[in-house]
């Protein structure tokens, strides 16, 4: 949003300079709008930023079935690590894989929402490309997590044999 306002500010400012040499009232109004927009868009403190982040997680948990499934798999993986007493570095790798998948799913959700908003219900080939690429990022992260899980499971089995 800020970028859009800045873009229009730039156009208005350039137009005002050419059309009204010495009189840039239009540019001043545009500058004031941009400054007002920045103050409304900035969070007042870090707690407000944290609250917005938690809202994003809550909304994603409420609306995205795959995110809930990924959380359940993550919890199962953590419980498995605790039960089988994996090495600390293995446990950290599992935690990284879990958070990597969840972060990619959050990005996927954000990209899908923005794409739907910009397309306003119409199907566009570039929108499909964006959504497919975001879904592919989640797939890559999930494959990484699965590989981590297999490698650690094999090391646990070897330890017991």
Foldseek 3Di string as FASTA:
>chain_A
DLVVLVVVLVVLQVVCCVPPPPDSPSNVVSVVVSVVVVVVPDDPDVVVVVVVVVVLVVVCCVPPPVLVVLVVVLVVVLVVCVVLVFDPVLNVQLVVLSVQLNVLVSVLVVLLVVLCVVCVPDDDPVSVVSNVVSVVSNVVSVVSNVVSVVVRVVVSVVVVD
